[in-house]
Amino acid sequence: MNDDLQSRIEEAVKNPRNLGELKDADAIGTIGSADCGDMLRMWVKFKEEDGRKVIDRATFQTFGCQTAIAVASVATEMLAGKTVAEAQSMSGEDLAAPLGPLPPVKIHCAQLVEGALRSALSGESAPETRAEQPVGQTLLGQLNAAQSDQRKVKIVLDS
């Protein structure tokens, strides 16, 4: 990774935007595999603007590498004001564009963010309330459920 890309990723990781659950989200999308540890959940809230339904806010949580955090952070910033059709037309490459070209080994991070966004936008239904969610429906709960065979998981942010 070149130094400029690394510094943009480090800045996005040090100061991630829109990190955390969005309690009043209109849509939620989750993608990834608890088996490998890369998982990302995105919450989306809509509003009416000039007679159009647009994304008001998007937030995320992830179990992934620094690049996944950075891409999700910049992507959630880019989504504000986009219609569902505009957001659905964005590729992982588009969502990661503010960071610059990702090395081939990190392209899956942008695809993870794209997948969570598409998952959220495909349903566009109101999410279940927290009290109604079955065990294992939180990102941590899903990871813990997958790890119930006594394997230990250690999550470390690279510095």
Protein backbone atom coordinates (compact mmCIF):
# COMPACT_ATOMS: atom_id res chain seq x y z
CA MET A 1 0.00 0.00 0.00
CA ASN A 2 1.35 3.43 -0.86
CA ASP A 3 1.96 5.95 1.92
CA ASP A 4 -0.85 8.30 0.81
CA LEU A 5 -3.45 5.52 0.83
CA GLN A 6 -2.16 4.25 4.17
CA SER A 7 -2.40 7.72 5.72
CA ARG A 8 -6.00 8.20 4.45
CA ILE A 9 -6.99 4.80 5.85
CA GLU A 10 -5.29 5.56 9.18
CA GLU A 11 -7.11 8.92 9.40
CA ALA A 12 -10.49 7.29 8.68
CA VAL A 13 -9.78 4.60 11.31
CA LYS A 14 -8.65 7.12 13.95
CA ASN A 15 -11.72 9.29 13.34
CA PRO A 16 -14.40 7.02 11.89
CA ARG A 17 -17.61 8.73 10.88
CA ASN A 18 -21.05 7.28 11.53
CA LEU A 19 -19.85 4.39 13.66
CA GLY A 20 -22.52 2.61 15.67
CA GLU A 21 -26.12 1.51 15.64
CA LEU A 22 -28.77 3.89 14.32
CA LYS A 23 -31.72 3.32 16.67
CA ASP A 24 -34.41 4.75 14.36
CA ALA A 25 -33.11 3.20 11.13
CA ASP A 26 -35.54 2.42 8.35
CA ALA A 27 -33.39 -0.40 6.97
CA ILE A 28 -30.57 -2.66 8.17
CA GLY A 29 -28.21 -4.78 6.10
CA THR A 30 -25.66 -7.31 7.31
CA ILE A 31 -23.07 -9.15 5.28
CA GLY A 32 -20.07 -11.32 5.98
CA SER A 33 -19.09 -14.51 7.64
CA ALA A 34 -18.60 -15.06 11.34
CA ASP A 35 -16.39 -18.01 10.42
CA CYS A 36 -13.70 -15.77 8.91
CA GLY A 37 -14.52 -12.78 11.11
CA ASP A 38 -15.28 -10.20 8.42
CA MET A 39 -18.78 -8.89 9.09
CA LEU A 40 -20.37 -5.52 8.48
CA ARG A 41 -23.78 -4.17 9.42
CA MET A 42 -25.16 -0.94 7.99
CA TRP A 43 -28.16 1.07 9.18
CA VAL A 44 -29.94 3.50 6.85
CA LYS A 45 -32.42 6.27 7.69
CA PHE A 46 -34.45 7.98 4.94
CA LYS A 47 -36.07 11.40 4.63
CA GLU A 48 -38.18 13.26 2.08
CA GLU A 49 -36.29 15.96 0.21
CA ASP A 50 -37.80 17.90 -2.68
CA GLY A 51 -40.44 15.19 -3.11
CA ARG A 52 -37.84 12.42 -3.26
CA LYS A 53 -36.96 9.73 -0.75
CA VAL A 54 -33.26 10.13 0.02
CA ILE A 55 -30.81 8.73 2.53
CA ASP A 56 -30.66 11.01 5.53
CA ARG A 57 -28.02 9.07 7.43
CA ALA A 58 -26.15 5.79 7.32
CA THR A 59 -24.11 4.19 10.11
CA PHE A 60 -22.14 0.97 10.47
CA GLN A 61 -20.50 -1.56 12.76
CA THR A 62 -17.87 -4.01 11.59
CA PHE A 63 -15.63 -6.83 12.59
CA GLY A 64 -13.04 -6.32 9.91
CA CYS A 65 -9.67 -4.80 9.18
CA GLN A 66 -8.72 -1.14 9.16
CA THR A 67 -9.52 -0.86 5.47
CA ALA A 68 -13.08 -2.14 6.04
CA ILE A 69 -13.56 0.47 8.77
CA ALA A 70 -12.15 3.22 6.55
CA VAL A 71 -14.29 2.28 3.53
CA ALA A 72 -17.46 2.05 5.64
CA SER A 73 -16.69 5.41 7.23
CA VAL A 74 -16.21 7.28 3.94
CA ALA A 75 -19.10 5.42 2.28
CA THR A 76 -21.60 6.43 4.97
CA GLU A 77 -20.57 10.05 4.44
CA MET A 78 -21.08 9.76 0.66
CA LEU A 79 -24.55 8.22 0.96
CA ALA A 80 -26.25 11.24 2.57
CA GLY A 81 -28.64 12.83 0.08
CA LYS A 82 -28.59 9.92 -2.38
CA THR A 83 -31.79 8.27 -3.56
CA VAL A 84 -32.13 4.50 -3.16
CA ALA A 85 -31.50 4.07 -6.91
CA GLU A 86 -28.38 6.26 -6.78
CA ALA A 87 -27.02 4.36 -3.76
CA GLN A 88 -27.79 0.96 -5.33
CA SER A 89 -25.87 1.96 -8.44
CA MET A 90 -22.68 2.60 -6.44
CA SER A 91 -20.02 -0.07 -6.61
CA GLY A 92 -17.52 -0.94 -3.90
CA GLU A 93 -14.98 1.01 -5.92
CA ASP A 94 -17.26 4.08 -5.88
CA LEU A 95 -17.80 3.74 -2.12
CA ALA A 96 -14.04 3.54 -1.49
CA ALA A 97 -13.10 6.30 -3.98
CA PRO A 98 -12.24 8.96 -1.36
CA LEU A 99 -9.48 6.66 -0.11
CA GLY A 100 -7.97 6.18 -3.55
CA PRO A 101 -7.39 2.89 -5.38
CA LEU A 102 -7.28 -0.06 -2.99
CA PRO A 103 -4.68 -2.77 -3.50
CA PRO A 104 -6.12 -6.02 -4.88
CA VAL A 105 -5.81 -7.76 -1.50
CA LYS A 106 -8.11 -5.11 0.07
CA ILE A 107 -10.84 -4.92 -2.60
CA HIS A 108 -12.95 -7.33 -0.54
CA CYS A 109 -13.29 -4.57 2.09
CA ALA A 110 -15.10 -2.33 -0.39
CA GLN A 111 -17.19 -5.30 -1.53
CA LEU A 112 -18.16 -5.94 2.11
CA VAL A 113 -19.45 -2.36 2.44
CA GLU A 114 -21.24 -2.58 -0.91
CA GLY A 115 -22.88 -5.84 0.13
CA ALA A 116 -24.13 -4.45 3.45
CA LEU A 117 -25.53 -1.39 1.68
CA ARG A 118 -27.29 -3.53 -0.94
CA SER A 119 -28.64 -5.79 1.81
CA ALA A 120 -30.09 -2.78 3.64
CA LEU A 121 -31.57 -1.23 0.52
CA SER A 122 -33.05 -4.43 -0.85
CA GLY A 123 -35.61 -4.74 1.93
CA GLU A 124 -36.34 -1.12 2.74
CA SER A 125 -38.55 -2.35 5.55
CA ALA A 126 -38.51 -1.11 9.09
CA PRO A 127 -36.14 -3.15 11.25
CA GLU A 128 -37.25 -5.17 14.23
CA THR A 129 -36.97 -3.44 17.54
CA ARG A 130 -34.07 -4.47 19.72
CA ALA A 131 -36.39 -6.27 22.17
CA GLU A 132 -37.80 -8.42 19.34
CA GLN A 133 -34.44 -9.48 17.94
CA PRO A 134 -33.64 -13.12 18.59
CA VAL A 135 -30.39 -14.06 20.29
CA GLY A 136 -27.46 -13.77 17.92
CA GLN A 137 -28.98 -10.96 15.84
CA THR A 138 -26.50 -8.31 16.95
CA LEU A 139 -23.20 -8.36 15.11
CA LEU A 140 -21.41 -9.47 18.28
CA GLY A 141 -24.14 -12.01 18.98
CA GLN A 142 -23.76 -13.51 15.52
CA LEU A 143 -20.00 -13.71 15.94
CA ASN A 144 -20.37 -15.29 19.37
CA ALA A 145 -22.95 -17.80 18.11
CA ALA A 146 -20.59 -18.86 15.33
CA GLN A 147 -17.79 -19.24 17.83
CA SER A 148 -19.82 -21.37 20.25
CA ASP A 149 -17.61 -24.37 19.55
CA GLN A 150 -15.15 -22.95 22.10
CA ARG A 151 -12.77 -21.28 19.63
CA LYS A 152 -11.50 -17.96 20.92
CA VAL A 153 -11.68 -14.78 18.88
CA LYS A 154 -9.40 -11.86 19.49
CA ILE A 155 -10.16 -8.61 17.71
CA VAL A 156 -7.15 -6.36 17.26
CA LEU A 157 -6.89 -3.07 15.40
CA ASP A 158 -3.61 -2.79 13.55
CA SER A 159 -1.68 0.34 14.33
